[in-house]
N, C-alpha and C. Protein backbone atom coordinates (compact mmCIF):
# COMPACT_ATOMS: atom_id res chain seq x y z
N MET A 1 2.07 17.39 24.21
CA MET A 1 1.97 16.97 22.81
C MET A 1 1.57 15.49 22.71
N TYR A 2 2.38 14.61 23.31
CA TYR A 2 2.10 13.17 23.30
C TYR A 2 0.73 12.90 23.92
N SER A 3 0.48 13.49 25.08
CA SER A 3 -0.81 13.28 25.76
C SER A 3 -1.97 13.78 24.90
N ASP A 4 -1.78 14.94 24.27
CA ASP A 4 -2.83 15.47 23.40
C ASP A 4 -3.11 14.55 22.22
N MET A 5 -2.04 14.01 21.64
CA MET A 5 -2.22 13.08 20.51
C MET A 5 -2.95 11.83 20.97
N LEU A 6 -2.58 11.30 22.14
CA LEU A 6 -3.27 10.12 22.66
C LEU A 6 -4.74 10.41 22.91
N LYS A 7 -5.03 11.56 23.50
CA LYS A 7 -6.43 11.92 23.78
C LYS A 7 -7.25 11.99 22.49
N GLU A 8 -6.67 12.59 21.47
CA GLU A 8 -7.38 12.69 20.20
C GLU A 8 -7.57 11.32 19.55
N MET A 9 -6.53 10.48 19.63
CA MET A 9 -6.65 9.12 19.10
C MET A 9 -7.75 8.35 19.81
N ILE A 10 -7.77 8.45 21.13
CA ILE A 10 -8.78 7.74 21.92
C ILE A 10 -10.18 8.19 21.52
N ALA A 11 -10.38 9.49 21.36
CA ALA A 11 -11.69 10.00 20.95
C ALA A 11 -12.10 9.45 19.59
N LEU A 12 -11.17 9.42 18.66
CA LEU A 12 -11.48 8.89 17.32
C LEU A 12 -11.73 7.38 17.37
N LEU A 13 -10.97 6.68 18.19
CA LEU A 13 -11.19 5.24 18.33
C LEU A 13 -12.56 4.95 18.91
N LEU A 14 -12.97 5.72 19.90
CA LEU A 14 -14.30 5.54 20.47
C LEU A 14 -15.38 5.86 19.44
N LYS A 15 -15.14 6.90 18.64
CA LYS A 15 -16.10 7.26 17.59
C LYS A 15 -16.23 6.15 16.56
N SER A 16 -15.13 5.43 16.30
CA SER A 16 -15.18 4.33 15.34
C SER A 16 -15.60 3.02 16.01
N ASP A 17 -16.03 3.11 17.27
CA ASP A 17 -16.52 1.97 18.04
C ASP A 17 -15.45 0.90 18.23
N ASN A 18 -14.23 1.34 18.48
CA ASN A 18 -13.14 0.40 18.73
C ASN A 18 -12.66 0.56 20.17
N ARG A 19 -13.44 -0.03 21.06
CA ARG A 19 -13.17 0.10 22.50
C ARG A 19 -11.87 -0.58 22.92
N HIS A 20 -11.54 -1.69 22.29
CA HIS A 20 -10.31 -2.40 22.66
C HIS A 20 -9.10 -1.47 22.55
N TRP A 21 -8.93 -0.85 21.39
CA TRP A 21 -7.76 0.02 21.20
C TRP A 21 -7.91 1.32 21.97
N ALA A 22 -9.11 1.82 22.14
CA ALA A 22 -9.31 3.01 22.96
C ALA A 22 -8.87 2.73 24.40
N ASN A 23 -9.24 1.58 24.93
CA ASN A 23 -8.82 1.21 26.28
C ASN A 23 -7.31 1.03 26.36
N TRP A 24 -6.73 0.44 25.35
CA TRP A 24 -5.28 0.22 25.29
C TRP A 24 -4.53 1.56 25.43
N PHE A 25 -4.94 2.52 24.61
CA PHE A 25 -4.25 3.81 24.63
C PHE A 25 -4.65 4.68 25.82
N THR A 26 -5.83 4.44 26.39
CA THR A 26 -6.20 5.13 27.63
C THR A 26 -5.26 4.72 28.75
N LEU A 27 -4.92 3.46 28.82
CA LEU A 27 -3.97 2.99 29.83
C LEU A 27 -2.60 3.64 29.62
N ALA A 28 -2.16 3.72 28.38
CA ALA A 28 -0.89 4.39 28.08
C ALA A 28 -0.94 5.86 28.50
N LEU A 29 -2.07 6.51 28.26
CA LEU A 29 -2.23 7.91 28.66
C LEU A 29 -2.20 8.04 30.18
N GLU A 30 -2.88 7.16 30.88
CA GLU A 30 -2.90 7.20 32.34
C GLU A 30 -1.50 7.02 32.91
N TRP A 31 -0.75 6.08 32.36
CA TRP A 31 0.62 5.86 32.84
C TRP A 31 1.48 7.10 32.59
N HIS A 32 1.35 7.67 31.42
CA HIS A 32 2.14 8.87 31.09
C HIS A 32 1.76 10.02 32.04
N SER A 33 0.49 10.20 32.28
CA SER A 33 0.02 11.28 33.15
C SER A 33 0.47 11.11 34.60
N SER A 34 0.67 9.85 35.01
CA SER A 34 1.09 9.59 36.39
C SER A 34 2.61 9.54 36.54
N GLY A 35 3.33 9.88 35.47
CA GLY A 35 4.79 9.93 35.55
C GLY A 35 5.50 8.66 35.14
N GLU A 36 4.75 7.68 34.69
CA GLU A 36 5.35 6.42 34.26
C GLU A 36 5.52 6.44 32.73
N GLU A 37 6.35 7.37 32.26
CA GLU A 37 6.51 7.59 30.83
C GLU A 37 7.03 6.34 30.10
N GLU A 38 8.06 5.69 30.64
CA GLU A 38 8.61 4.51 29.97
C GLU A 38 7.57 3.42 29.81
N LYS A 39 6.76 3.23 30.82
CA LYS A 39 5.69 2.23 30.77
C LYS A 39 4.68 2.59 29.69
N SER A 40 4.38 3.88 29.59
CA SER A 40 3.45 4.36 28.57
C SER A 40 4.00 4.12 27.17
N TYR A 41 5.25 4.49 26.95
CA TYR A 41 5.86 4.31 25.63
C TYR A 41 5.92 2.83 25.25
N SER A 42 6.24 2.00 26.20
CA SER A 42 6.28 0.56 25.94
C SER A 42 4.90 0.03 25.55
N LYS A 43 3.87 0.47 26.26
CA LYS A 43 2.50 0.05 25.96
C LYS A 43 2.11 0.45 24.54
N VAL A 44 2.44 1.69 24.17
CA VAL A 44 2.13 2.17 22.83
C VAL A 44 2.84 1.32 21.79
N LEU A 45 4.13 1.09 21.96
CA LEU A 45 4.90 0.34 20.96
C LEU A 45 4.43 -1.10 20.83
N GLN A 46 3.93 -1.69 21.91
CA GLN A 46 3.42 -3.06 21.87
C GLN A 46 2.19 -3.20 20.98
N ALA A 47 1.50 -2.09 20.73
CA ALA A 47 0.29 -2.13 19.91
C ALA A 47 0.59 -2.33 18.42
N TYR A 48 1.81 -2.00 18.02
CA TYR A 48 2.17 -1.99 16.60
C TYR A 48 2.94 -3.26 16.22
N GLY A 49 2.65 -3.77 15.04
CA GLY A 49 3.39 -4.91 14.51
C GLY A 49 2.73 -6.24 14.81
N GLY A 50 2.88 -7.17 13.90
CA GLY A 50 2.32 -8.50 14.07
C GLY A 50 0.87 -8.57 13.61
N MET A 51 0.40 -9.80 13.45
CA MET A 51 -0.98 -10.01 13.02
C MET A 51 -1.95 -9.56 14.09
N GLY A 52 -3.01 -8.90 13.66
CA GLY A 52 -4.03 -8.44 14.58
C GLY A 52 -3.62 -7.21 15.38
N SER A 53 -2.55 -6.58 14.96
CA SER A 53 -2.05 -5.41 15.68
C SER A 53 -2.85 -4.16 15.31
N PHE A 54 -2.50 -3.09 15.96
CA PHE A 54 -3.12 -1.80 15.71
C PHE A 54 -2.98 -1.40 14.25
N ASN A 55 -1.91 -1.82 13.60
CA ASN A 55 -1.69 -1.51 12.19
C ASN A 55 -2.69 -2.19 11.26
N ASP A 56 -3.31 -3.26 11.71
CA ASP A 56 -4.19 -4.06 10.86
C ASP A 56 -5.66 -3.65 10.93
N VAL A 57 -5.98 -2.68 11.75
CA VAL A 57 -7.38 -2.34 11.99
C VAL A 57 -7.88 -1.33 10.95
N PHE A 58 -9.09 -1.56 10.47
CA PHE A 58 -9.76 -0.60 9.59
C PHE A 58 -10.64 0.28 10.45
N TRP A 59 -10.55 1.58 10.23
CA TRP A 59 -11.33 2.53 11.01
C TRP A 59 -12.60 2.90 10.26
N ASP A 60 -13.74 2.71 10.88
CA ASP A 60 -15.02 3.06 10.29
C ASP A 60 -15.33 4.52 10.64
N LEU A 61 -14.67 5.40 9.89
CA LEU A 61 -14.78 6.84 10.13
C LEU A 61 -14.90 7.57 8.80
N PRO A 62 -15.46 8.77 8.81
CA PRO A 62 -15.42 9.60 7.61
C PRO A 62 -13.96 9.84 7.19
N LYS A 63 -13.73 10.07 5.92
CA LYS A 63 -12.38 10.16 5.38
C LYS A 63 -11.47 11.12 6.15
N GLU A 64 -11.95 12.31 6.46
CA GLU A 64 -11.11 13.29 7.16
C GLU A 64 -10.66 12.77 8.53
N GLU A 65 -11.59 12.15 9.26
CA GLU A 65 -11.25 11.60 10.57
C GLU A 65 -10.37 10.35 10.43
N TYR A 66 -10.65 9.55 9.43
CA TYR A 66 -9.81 8.37 9.16
C TYR A 66 -8.37 8.81 8.90
N ASP A 67 -8.21 9.80 8.04
CA ASP A 67 -6.87 10.31 7.72
C ASP A 67 -6.19 10.88 8.96
N ARG A 68 -6.94 11.58 9.78
CA ARG A 68 -6.38 12.15 11.00
C ARG A 68 -5.91 11.06 11.95
N LEU A 69 -6.71 10.01 12.10
CA LEU A 69 -6.33 8.90 12.96
C LEU A 69 -5.07 8.21 12.44
N GLU A 70 -5.00 8.02 11.15
CA GLU A 70 -3.81 7.42 10.55
C GLU A 70 -2.57 8.28 10.80
N HIS A 71 -2.72 9.59 10.69
CA HIS A 71 -1.61 10.50 10.97
C HIS A 71 -1.18 10.39 12.43
N LEU A 72 -2.15 10.45 13.33
CA LEU A 72 -1.85 10.36 14.76
C LEU A 72 -1.18 9.03 15.10
N LYS A 73 -1.65 7.98 14.47
CA LYS A 73 -1.09 6.65 14.70
C LYS A 73 0.41 6.65 14.45
N GLY A 74 0.82 7.26 13.36
CA GLY A 74 2.24 7.33 13.03
C GLY A 74 3.01 8.25 13.96
N GLU A 75 2.44 9.38 14.31
CA GLU A 75 3.12 10.34 15.18
C GLU A 75 3.30 9.81 16.59
N VAL A 76 2.28 9.13 17.12
CA VAL A 76 2.37 8.57 18.47
C VAL A 76 3.45 7.48 18.50
N TRP A 77 3.46 6.64 17.48
CA TRP A 77 4.49 5.59 17.42
C TRP A 77 5.89 6.22 17.38
N LYS A 78 6.06 7.22 16.53
CA LYS A 78 7.36 7.87 16.39
C LYS A 78 7.79 8.51 17.72
N TYR A 79 6.89 9.18 18.37
CA TYR A 79 7.21 9.84 19.64
C TYR A 79 7.64 8.81 20.68
N ALA A 80 6.87 7.72 20.80
CA ALA A 80 7.19 6.69 21.77
C ALA A 80 8.51 6.00 21.43
N LYS A 81 8.74 5.74 20.16
CA LYS A 81 9.96 5.06 19.72
C LYS A 81 11.19 5.91 20.04
N GLU A 82 11.11 7.20 19.81
CA GLU A 82 12.25 8.10 20.06
C GLU A 82 12.59 8.20 21.54
N ARG A 83 11.63 7.90 22.41
CA ARG A 83 11.85 8.08 23.83
C ARG A 83 12.01 6.78 24.59
N SER A 84 11.88 5.67 23.92
CA SER A 84 12.01 4.39 24.60
C SER A 84 13.43 3.86 24.54
């Protein structure tokens, strides 16, 4: 579930030409896939909050994809927060 959400987020981030955040979450996905779950959750949570954070980015996507990315953004944060 978490990995699937990250994969979908990464694809949408790449589609919106946001390589920085796509790379950020790719690293979190790699850590999770290699068994370093705590490291992955920490990486995800570090993306949120503060100026210039993941929360401050505008996604250049069609409305349906924009809404999906916003939904995933919240779900991934919640999942990581509950497990950290």
